Protein backbone atom coordinates (compact mmCIF):
# COMPACT_ATOMS: atom_id res chain seq x y z
CA MET A 1 0.05 -0.04 -0.03
CA ALA A 2 1.34 3.46 -0.91
CA ARG A 3 2.47 5.61 1.83
CA PHE A 4 2.57 8.90 0.05
CA GLY A 5 -0.41 9.08 -2.32
CA GLU A 6 -1.75 6.90 -5.02
CA CYS A 7 1.63 5.43 -5.38
CA ASP A 8 5.03 6.45 -3.86
CA VAL A 9 7.05 6.65 -6.96
CA VAL A 10 6.53 6.68 -10.72
CA VAL A 11 9.47 5.45 -12.80
CA ALA A 12 9.44 6.50 -16.45
CA GLY A 13 11.43 4.02 -18.57
CA ALA A 14 11.89 0.25 -18.33
CA GLY A 15 15.48 0.10 -19.43
CA PHE A 16 18.28 -0.98 -16.97
CA ALA A 17 18.22 2.40 -15.28
CA GLY A 18 14.38 2.40 -14.63
CA LEU A 19 14.24 -1.23 -13.74
CA SER A 20 17.19 -0.90 -11.12
CA ALA A 21 15.66 2.29 -9.64
CA ALA A 22 12.18 0.42 -9.38
CA ASP A 23 13.89 -2.69 -7.86
CA ALA A 24 15.77 -0.59 -5.24
CA LEU A 25 12.60 1.37 -4.33
CA VAL A 26 10.49 -1.72 -3.91
CA ARG A 27 13.01 -3.30 -1.64
CA GLU A 28 12.64 -0.11 0.52
CA GLY A 29 9.00 -0.97 0.94
CA LEU A 30 7.69 1.73 -1.45
CA THR A 31 4.89 1.31 -3.91
CA VAL A 32 6.18 1.89 -7.52
CA ARG A 33 4.71 2.12 -11.01
CA VAL A 34 7.00 1.74 -13.96
CA VAL A 35 5.54 3.28 -17.13
CA GLU A 36 7.31 2.37 -20.47
CA ALA A 37 6.68 3.74 -23.96
CA ARG A 38 7.68 0.51 -25.80
CA PRO A 39 5.71 -2.66 -25.66
CA ARG A 40 8.82 -4.26 -24.12
CA VAL A 41 11.42 -3.81 -21.45
CA GLY A 42 15.03 -3.49 -21.93
CA GLY A 43 15.42 0.02 -23.43
CA ARG A 44 18.58 0.20 -25.58
CA ALA A 45 19.04 -3.66 -25.15
CA LEU A 46 17.04 -5.54 -27.90
CA THR A 47 17.64 -9.22 -28.53
CA ARG A 48 16.01 -10.94 -31.67
CA PHE A 49 16.40 -14.49 -32.84
CA LEU A 50 16.28 -15.57 -36.41
CA PRO A 51 13.92 -18.47 -37.39
CA ASP A 52 16.83 -20.99 -36.84
CA GLY A 53 17.52 -19.68 -33.39
CA THR A 54 20.50 -17.51 -34.25
CA GLN A 55 20.83 -14.81 -31.48
CA LEU A 56 21.31 -11.16 -32.53
CA ASP A 57 21.74 -8.31 -30.05
CA LEU A 58 20.63 -5.37 -32.03
CA GLY A 59 21.59 -2.93 -29.18
CA GLY A 60 23.87 -3.18 -26.19
CA GLN A 61 25.35 -6.54 -25.65
CA TRP A 62 28.52 -6.59 -23.48
CA ILE A 63 29.66 -6.42 -19.83
CA GLY A 64 33.16 -6.28 -18.34
CA PRO A 65 34.88 -7.72 -15.28
CA ALA A 66 35.03 -4.31 -13.48
CA GLN A 67 31.25 -3.82 -13.74
CA ARG A 68 30.07 -5.00 -10.32
CA HIS A 69 26.51 -3.98 -10.55
CA MET A 70 25.90 -5.89 -13.59
CA ALA A 71 27.86 -8.94 -12.23
CA ASP A 72 25.50 -8.87 -9.25
CA LEU A 73 22.37 -8.66 -11.42
CA VAL A 74 23.62 -11.55 -13.51
CA HIS A 75 24.15 -13.59 -10.38
CA ARG A 76 20.75 -12.71 -8.66
CA HIS A 77 18.76 -13.42 -11.82
CA ALA A 78 20.63 -16.55 -12.74
CA VAL A 79 21.48 -15.39 -16.27
CA ARG A 80 24.28 -17.32 -17.88
CA THR A 81 27.08 -15.53 -19.79
CA TYR A 82 29.75 -16.51 -22.09
CA PRO A 83 33.14 -14.84 -23.25
CA THR A 84 33.20 -12.81 -26.49
CA PRO A 85 34.94 -15.05 -29.10
CA SER A 86 38.52 -13.74 -29.31
CA ARG A 87 40.80 -16.58 -30.54
CA GLY A 88 42.80 -15.65 -33.54
CA ALA A 89 44.48 -12.51 -34.80
CA ALA A 90 42.88 -9.08 -34.89
CA LEU A 91 43.14 -6.91 -37.87
CA ILE A 92 43.96 -3.16 -37.88
CA GLU A 93 43.63 -1.24 -41.20
CA TYR A 94 46.05 1.55 -40.85
CA GLY A 95 47.47 3.88 -43.31
CA GLY A 96 46.57 1.74 -46.35
CA ARG A 97 48.10 -1.47 -44.67
CA ARG A 98 46.98 -4.14 -42.34
CA VAL A 99 48.79 -4.78 -39.04
CA GLU A 100 48.00 -7.09 -36.18
CA GLU A 101 49.03 -4.74 -33.29
CA LEU A 102 48.19 -1.21 -32.50
CA PRO A 103 50.90 1.00 -33.99
CA ALA A 104 53.16 2.66 -31.57
CA GLU A 105 52.22 6.23 -32.57
CA ALA A 106 48.50 5.54 -32.14
CA ALA A 107 49.20 3.94 -28.70
CA GLU A 108 51.11 7.02 -27.77
CA VAL A 109 48.06 9.20 -28.59
CA LEU A 110 45.91 6.89 -26.42
CA ALA A 111 48.47 7.23 -23.55
CA ALA A 112 48.32 10.90 -23.74
CA LEU A 113 44.47 10.90 -23.59
CA ASP A 114 44.67 8.65 -20.58
CA ARG A 115 47.13 10.93 -18.80
CA LEU A 116 44.71 13.89 -19.35
CA ALA A 117 41.76 11.91 -18.20
CA ARG A 118 43.22 11.10 -14.90
CA ALA A 119 42.96 14.72 -13.88
CA VAL A 120 39.26 14.80 -14.59
CA PRO A 121 36.91 13.84 -11.64
CA PRO A 122 33.98 11.93 -13.21
CA ASP A 123 31.55 13.34 -10.56
CA ARG A 124 32.52 16.94 -11.27
CA PRO A 125 34.32 17.28 -14.72
CA TRP A 126 33.59 20.95 -14.86
CA SER A 127 35.90 21.42 -11.99
CA ALA A 128 38.98 19.87 -13.55
CA PRO A 129 42.07 21.96 -14.14
CA GLY A 130 41.73 23.71 -17.53
CA ALA A 131 38.08 22.44 -17.87
CA ALA A 132 36.86 25.61 -19.62
CA GLY A 133 39.56 25.29 -22.23
CA GLN A 134 39.03 21.67 -22.77
CA ASP A 135 35.39 22.04 -22.96
CA GLY A 136 35.66 24.91 -25.55
CA ARG A 137 37.69 22.72 -28.10
CA THR A 138 36.72 19.66 -29.92
CA PHE A 139 38.42 16.31 -29.66
CA ALA A 140 39.39 16.58 -33.46
CA SER A 141 41.40 19.89 -32.61
CA TRP A 142 43.12 18.12 -29.85
CA LEU A 143 44.04 15.20 -32.12
CA ALA A 144 45.34 17.67 -34.63
CA ALA A 145 47.58 19.25 -32.05
CA THR A 146 49.20 15.97 -31.04
CA GLY A 147 51.56 15.98 -33.95
CA ALA A 148 50.88 12.35 -34.53
CA PRO A 149 50.83 10.96 -38.03
CA PRO A 150 47.32 11.33 -39.82
CA ALA A 151 46.72 7.66 -39.83
CA ALA A 152 47.22 7.49 -35.95
CA ARG A 153 44.82 10.57 -35.54
CA ASP A 154 42.28 8.90 -37.76
CA LEU A 155 42.34 5.61 -35.95
CA VAL A 156 42.17 7.05 -32.45
CA GLY A 157 39.51 9.48 -33.38
CA ARG A 158 37.27 6.76 -34.90
CA LEU A 159 37.92 4.27 -32.05
CA VAL A 160 37.42 6.80 -29.19
CA SER A 161 34.85 9.30 -30.53
CA GLY A 162 33.10 6.50 -32.59
CA GLY A 163 33.54 3.38 -30.65
CA LEU A 164 32.99 5.05 -27.24
CA LEU A 165 30.89 8.18 -27.76
CA SER A 166 29.18 6.91 -31.08
CA ALA A 167 30.00 10.25 -32.73
CA GLY A 168 32.66 11.89 -34.80
CA PRO A 169 35.72 13.72 -33.21
CA THR A 170 34.30 17.07 -34.37
CA GLU A 171 31.05 16.52 -32.54
CA THR A 172 32.28 16.34 -28.92
CA SER A 173 34.54 18.37 -26.78
CA LEU A 174 37.86 17.24 -25.35
CA LEU A 175 36.43 17.56 -21.89
CA GLU A 176 33.41 15.21 -22.74
CA THR A 177 35.89 12.76 -24.10
CA LEU A 178 38.17 12.91 -21.02
CA PHE A 179 35.14 12.53 -18.75
CA TYR A 180 34.04 9.41 -20.71
CA VAL A 181 37.49 7.88 -20.52
CA ALA A 182 37.75 8.63 -16.81
CA SER A 183 34.32 7.29 -16.10
CA GLY A 184 35.47 3.82 -17.62
CA GLY A 185 38.93 3.75 -16.01
CA GLY A 186 41.00 4.37 -19.15
CA THR A 187 41.14 3.74 -22.84
CA GLU A 188 42.36 0.04 -22.34
CA PRO A 189 39.46 -1.26 -20.24
CA LEU A 190 37.01 0.71 -22.48
CA LEU A 191 38.31 -0.54 -25.81
CA GLY A 192 39.40 -4.01 -24.74
CA TYR A 193 37.81 -7.45 -25.07
CA GLU A 194 39.47 -10.03 -22.70
CA GLY A 195 39.64 -8.15 -19.44
CA GLY A 196 37.80 -5.13 -20.86
CA ALA A 197 34.31 -3.75 -21.31
CA GLN A 198 33.52 -6.13 -24.20
CA GLU A 199 34.74 -9.43 -22.61
CA THR A 200 31.26 -11.06 -21.72
CA ARG A 201 27.94 -11.54 -23.42
CA PHE A 202 24.66 -12.78 -22.19
CA ALA A 203 23.20 -16.20 -23.11
CA GLY A 204 19.86 -15.40 -24.47
CA GLY A 205 20.87 -11.80 -25.07
CA ALA A 206 20.97 -8.57 -22.96
CA GLN A 207 17.27 -8.09 -23.08
CA HIS A 208 16.84 -11.44 -21.36
CA LEU A 209 18.30 -9.89 -18.11
CA ALA A 210 16.02 -7.00 -18.36
CA GLU A 211 13.08 -9.35 -18.66
CA ARG A 212 14.18 -11.27 -15.66
CA MET A 213 14.53 -7.91 -13.67
CA ALA A 214 10.98 -6.92 -14.65
CA ALA A 215 9.64 -10.36 -13.68
CA GLY A 216 10.95 -9.83 -10.18
CA LEU A 217 8.88 -6.62 -9.57
CA PRO A 218 5.45 -6.91 -7.80
CA GLU A 219 2.49 -7.75 -9.96
CA GLY A 220 0.99 -4.66 -11.46
CA THR A 221 4.13 -2.52 -11.20
CA LEU A 222 4.93 -2.41 -14.90
CA ARG A 223 2.78 -0.67 -17.54
CA LEU A 224 3.96 -1.03 -21.15
CA GLY A 225 2.93 1.06 -24.12
CA GLN A 226 2.60 4.14 -21.88
CA PRO A 227 4.81 6.92 -22.99
CA VAL A 228 5.14 9.87 -20.64
CA GLU A 229 3.45 12.83 -22.37
CA ALA A 230 3.43 15.44 -19.53
CA VAL A 231 4.53 15.85 -15.90
CA GLU A 232 2.90 18.29 -13.59
CA TYR A 233 4.69 18.84 -10.28
CA THR A 234 4.78 20.88 -7.01
CA PRO A 235 7.51 20.83 -4.46
CA ARG A 236 5.95 17.73 -2.76
CA SER A 237 4.37 15.65 -5.47
CA ALA A 238 3.82 15.02 -9.10
CA ARG A 239 1.32 13.83 -11.71
CA VAL A 240 2.59 11.85 -14.67
CA HIS A 241 0.34 11.85 -17.81
CA THR A 242 0.36 8.89 -20.16
CA PRO A 243 -2.13 7.81 -22.92
CA GLY A 244 -3.57 5.44 -20.33
CA GLY A 245 -4.25 7.96 -17.73
CA ALA A 246 -2.52 9.97 -15.10
CA TRP A 247 -0.55 8.72 -12.07
CA ASP A 248 -0.10 10.70 -8.89
CA ALA A 249 3.07 10.07 -6.69
CA ALA A 250 5.19 11.61 -4.15
CA ARG A 251 8.34 11.41 -6.47
CA VAL A 252 9.10 10.58 -10.10
CA VAL A 253 12.34 9.20 -11.66
CA LEU A 254 12.85 9.95 -15.14
CA ALA A 255 15.01 7.20 -16.66
CA VAL A 256 14.74 7.90 -20.32
CA PRO A 257 17.32 9.21 -22.79
CA PRO A 258 17.87 13.09 -22.56
CA VAL A 259 16.65 13.57 -26.07
CA LEU A 260 13.18 12.11 -24.98
CA ALA A 261 13.11 13.70 -21.59
CA GLY A 262 13.37 17.00 -23.33
CA ARG A 263 10.25 16.36 -25.34
CA VAL A 264 8.05 15.77 -22.27
CA ARG A 265 5.79 18.75 -21.26
CA TYR A 266 6.53 19.95 -17.73
CA SER A 267 4.27 22.19 -15.69
CA PRO A 268 5.76 24.42 -14.40
CA ALA A 269 8.50 24.41 -17.02
CA LEU A 270 11.72 23.04 -15.99
CA PRO A 271 14.35 25.45 -14.56
CA PRO A 272 16.43 27.08 -17.38
CA LEU A 273 19.71 25.24 -16.76
CA ARG A 274 17.91 21.89 -16.64
CA ALA A 275 16.02 22.67 -19.88
CA GLY A 276 19.19 23.98 -21.35
CA LEU A 277 21.01 20.77 -20.50
CA LEU A 278 18.46 18.56 -22.14
CA GLN A 279 18.83 20.61 -25.33
CA ARG A 280 22.60 19.97 -25.42
CA MET A 281 22.70 16.18 -25.14
CA PRO A 282 22.05 14.71 -28.52
CA ALA A 283 22.06 10.91 -28.94
CA GLY A 284 24.74 9.09 -30.88
CA THR A 285 24.71 8.02 -34.47
CA ALA A 286 26.10 4.43 -34.35
CA LEU A 287 24.82 1.98 -36.91
CA LYS A 288 25.24 -1.73 -36.23
CA THR A 289 25.02 -4.45 -38.81
CA HIS A 290 24.98 -8.24 -38.62
CA ALA A 291 26.17 -10.47 -41.43
CA VAL A 292 25.07 -14.05 -40.79
CA TYR A 293 27.00 -16.95 -42.32
CA THR A 294 26.75 -20.82 -42.31
CA ALA A 295 30.04 -21.03 -40.37
CA PRO A 296 32.56 -18.69 -38.86
CA PHE A 297 34.98 -19.04 -41.83
CA TRP A 298 37.41 -16.49 -40.50
CA ARG A 299 38.51 -18.68 -37.72
CA ALA A 300 39.87 -21.23 -40.11
CA ALA A 301 42.12 -18.37 -41.44
CA GLY A 302 43.41 -17.83 -38.00
CA LEU A 303 41.37 -14.55 -37.48
CA SER A 304 39.33 -13.57 -34.51
CA GLY A 305 36.74 -11.52 -36.33
CA VAL A 306 37.80 -8.38 -34.49
CA SER A 307 38.99 -5.65 -36.60
CA GLN A 308 39.57 -1.81 -36.24
CA SER A 309 39.76 0.46 -39.38
CA ALA A 310 41.20 4.01 -39.79
CA GLU A 311 39.29 4.16 -43.04
CA GLY A 312 36.24 2.84 -44.77
CA VAL A 313 32.60 2.71 -43.69
CA LEU A 314 33.16 0.35 -40.74
CA THR A 315 35.21 1.25 -37.79
CA GLU A 316 35.12 -2.08 -35.93
CA THR A 317 33.96 -5.66 -36.46
CA VAL A 318 33.57 -8.43 -33.96
CA ASP A 319 32.81 -12.16 -33.97
CA ASN A 320 29.24 -12.21 -32.47
CA THR A 321 28.64 -15.94 -32.67
CA PRO A 322 27.08 -17.45 -29.53
CA PRO A 323 28.28 -20.87 -28.42
CA ASP A 324 26.51 -23.64 -30.16
CA ALA A 325 24.73 -21.16 -32.41
CA PRO A 326 23.31 -22.71 -35.61
CA ARG A 327 25.06 -20.05 -37.70
CA ALA A 328 27.83 -17.57 -37.39
CA VAL A 329 27.55 -13.80 -36.97
CA LEU A 330 29.94 -11.07 -37.92
CA THR A 331 29.01 -7.80 -36.48
CA GLY A 332 30.11 -4.42 -37.96
CA PHE A 333 29.84 -0.81 -36.58
CA ALA A 334 29.84 2.50 -38.28
CA TYR A 335 29.94 5.81 -36.47
CA GLY A 336 29.76 9.47 -36.97
CA ALA A 337 30.07 10.78 -40.61
CA GLU A 338 30.40 7.16 -41.89
CA ALA A 339 27.12 6.12 -40.21
CA VAL A 340 25.28 9.16 -41.59
CA LEU A 341 26.73 8.40 -45.07
CA LEU A 342 25.32 4.89 -44.88
CA ARG A 343 21.81 6.10 -43.81
CA ARG A 344 21.68 8.31 -46.90
CA GLN A 345 21.93 5.29 -49.16
CA ALA A 346 19.28 2.91 -50.27
CA PRO A 347 19.18 -0.33 -48.24
CA ALA A 348 20.82 -2.42 -51.04
CA THR A 349 23.49 0.10 -51.53
CA ARG A 350 24.15 0.31 -47.80
CA ARG A 351 24.35 -3.46 -47.51
CA ARG A 352 26.72 -3.60 -50.36
CA ALA A 353 29.04 -1.00 -48.89
CA VAL A 354 29.24 -2.83 -45.63
CA LEU A 355 29.77 -6.24 -47.24
CA ASP A 356 32.52 -4.77 -49.52
CA HIS A 357 34.31 -3.69 -46.42
CA LEU A 358 33.88 -6.96 -44.82
CA THR A 359 35.25 -8.58 -47.90
CA ALA A 360 38.28 -6.40 -47.89
CA LEU A 361 38.91 -7.54 -44.37
CA PHE A 362 38.08 -11.21 -44.36
CA GLY A 363 37.94 -12.33 -47.89
CA GLU A 364 35.39 -13.16 -50.53
CA GLU A 365 33.15 -15.37 -48.34
CA ALA A 366 32.41 -12.32 -46.25
CA GLY A 367 30.64 -10.82 -49.27
CA ALA A 368 27.84 -13.44 -49.53
CA PRO A 369 26.14 -13.92 -46.14
CA ASP A 370 22.95 -15.92 -45.66
CA ASP A 371 21.30 -13.00 -43.87
CA PHE A 372 22.01 -9.44 -43.39
CA VAL A 373 20.33 -7.63 -40.47
CA GLU A 374 20.55 -3.92 -39.36
CA PHE A 375 18.55 -1.96 -36.78
CA ASP A 376 18.75 1.68 -36.94
CA TRP A 377 18.30 3.26 -33.34
CA LEU A 378 18.22 6.75 -34.69
CA ALA A 379 14.97 5.95 -36.31
CA GLU A 380 13.61 4.18 -33.28
CA GLU A 381 10.86 6.29 -31.80
CA TRP A 382 11.50 5.87 -28.11
CA THR A 383 15.23 6.01 -28.34
CA ARG A 384 16.28 8.28 -31.24
CA GLY A 385 20.03 7.37 -31.27
CA CYS A 386 22.47 5.14 -29.68
CA PHE A 387 24.63 4.28 -27.83
CA SER A 388 23.90 7.10 -25.48
CA GLY A 389 23.68 11.00 -25.32
CA HIS A 390 26.64 13.22 -24.81
CA LEU A 391 27.15 16.88 -23.98
CA VAL A 392 28.00 19.16 -26.89
CA PRO A 393 31.22 21.31 -26.70
CA GLY A 394 30.85 24.01 -24.04
CA ALA A 395 27.97 22.33 -22.26
CA TRP A 396 29.93 20.68 -19.41
CA THR A 397 31.24 23.80 -17.81
CA THR A 398 27.97 25.76 -18.29
CA PHE A 399 25.17 23.17 -17.68
CA GLY A 400 26.98 20.11 -16.29
CA PRO A 401 26.22 20.82 -12.65
CA SER A 402 22.55 20.45 -13.44
CA LEU A 403 22.97 16.86 -14.79
CA ARG A 404 21.94 14.92 -11.58
CA GLU A 405 20.37 17.70 -9.56
CA PRO A 406 16.66 16.82 -8.71
CA VAL A 407 13.94 19.41 -9.69
CA GLY A 408 11.49 19.36 -6.78
CA PRO A 409 10.01 15.83 -6.75
CA LEU A 410 11.63 14.98 -10.02
CA HIS A 411 14.77 12.79 -10.13
CA TRP A 412 17.05 11.98 -13.19
CA ALA A 413 18.42 8.52 -14.12
CA GLY A 414 19.93 7.02 -17.20
CA THR A 415 23.35 6.09 -18.19
CA GLU A 416 24.08 9.51 -19.29
CA THR A 417 23.88 10.67 -15.62
CA ALA A 418 26.32 7.91 -14.44
CA VAL A 419 29.63 8.75 -12.79
CA ARG A 420 31.15 5.32 -13.51
CA TRP A 421 30.84 3.43 -16.74
CA ASN A 422 28.88 6.25 -18.38
CA GLY A 423 27.29 4.95 -21.48
CA TYR A 424 27.03 1.31 -20.43
CA PHE A 425 24.58 -0.99 -18.79
CA GLU A 426 26.67 -0.58 -15.68
CA GLY A 427 26.33 3.21 -15.81
CA ALA A 428 22.49 2.74 -16.26
CA VAL A 429 22.25 0.52 -13.20
CA GLU A 430 24.41 2.88 -11.02
CA SER A 431 22.20 5.77 -12.04
CA GLY A 432 18.99 3.90 -11.16
CA TYR A 433 20.38 3.11 -7.67
CA ARG A 434 21.63 6.59 -7.17
CA ALA A 435 18.20 8.07 -8.08
CA ALA A 436 16.47 5.53 -5.79
CA GLU A 437 18.62 6.60 -2.95
CA GLU A 438 17.76 10.25 -3.61
CA VAL A 439 14.08 9.37 -3.46
CA ARG A 440 14.58 7.32 -0.20
CA ARG A 441 16.26 10.15 1.56
CA SER A 442 13.75 12.68 0.32
CA LEU A 443 10.81 10.62 1.68
């Protein structure tokens, strides 16, 4: 029974942030309603199975050994995991040639980035030494000033701005980049597979864990197909409007991407700094493709399926074949300008461009998959971009302090608000727990 009104807390969003917040609040004895716009849970985790049972994770899919909240959830909900296939050599396309190890000049640029990131406190990046200057220049301008060879700058720009922030190096500030690197403990754990953030996948897909989390909530907690249209609030309570009706609660946790939170009608209007913040956190432009083959032919050639490219439409590839899968999966990622370029092409042309790049990497067999599957999160109504949202240049030092600050009874969650592992499932869960703790203290 609710102690503070019709229900104690309304949580908007049933991704990992919203589900974590709801779980923590229920364990505190509060009555919670979770309203979700989609007809499913999982947010930016979406798992599909082909008719033969081949598993495809169309959204987020990995966890790493340093992500303790996710490890706890995997244990609590008895979800099996398996290591990302990594046997064999990786390929790096660099300066018109292929190498199997990161060139020294590119490693030096990453090391310089790590050194700068260690001076940035993830909970208060705007307070770092030189923050205003770092926030006022793009990551691309910093790369240009390193004096590194063009191939090294191109590769690092694509791996860091693309593979981590799902954008191009001209789109984010140096400070945003340093914050992200600091939140994940450095470029090595962020970019790595074995021992890194891409070490482990979920048997049954990432969405399977979200479904287990939702199933653990009290009956009647979750309401699907109910996007939040408007929020009315006073200092002590709020009313959340959805197509299915209105919910009164003492507190609200908004666990939706910033680009969507900014589209909700608030009455009264949000404070100027909070509203300005939401206007300056666009979602990423990553495009993820899956080529499905009868067998993982690249393994016979001694290749792992992992590649990194300083040129071409794909920045990264990975062997995404689950154990005992009926068929093999080679997944490619395009970011920033390359992802936008692919979106401008007709589907058949886009498919050909991706397969041509895979062929150049792995040989003729890569050009003729049994199936080719893509899912565009930028076109998804209740996401509008992936992997996550990021502050534009100049925004951290002007609007950053408002990122996690509650507005009356409104609390903010989502991986974009995380201090550790920002942009990952781990960050989403951390943010949900933090928002739930804020609510608990306020009540």
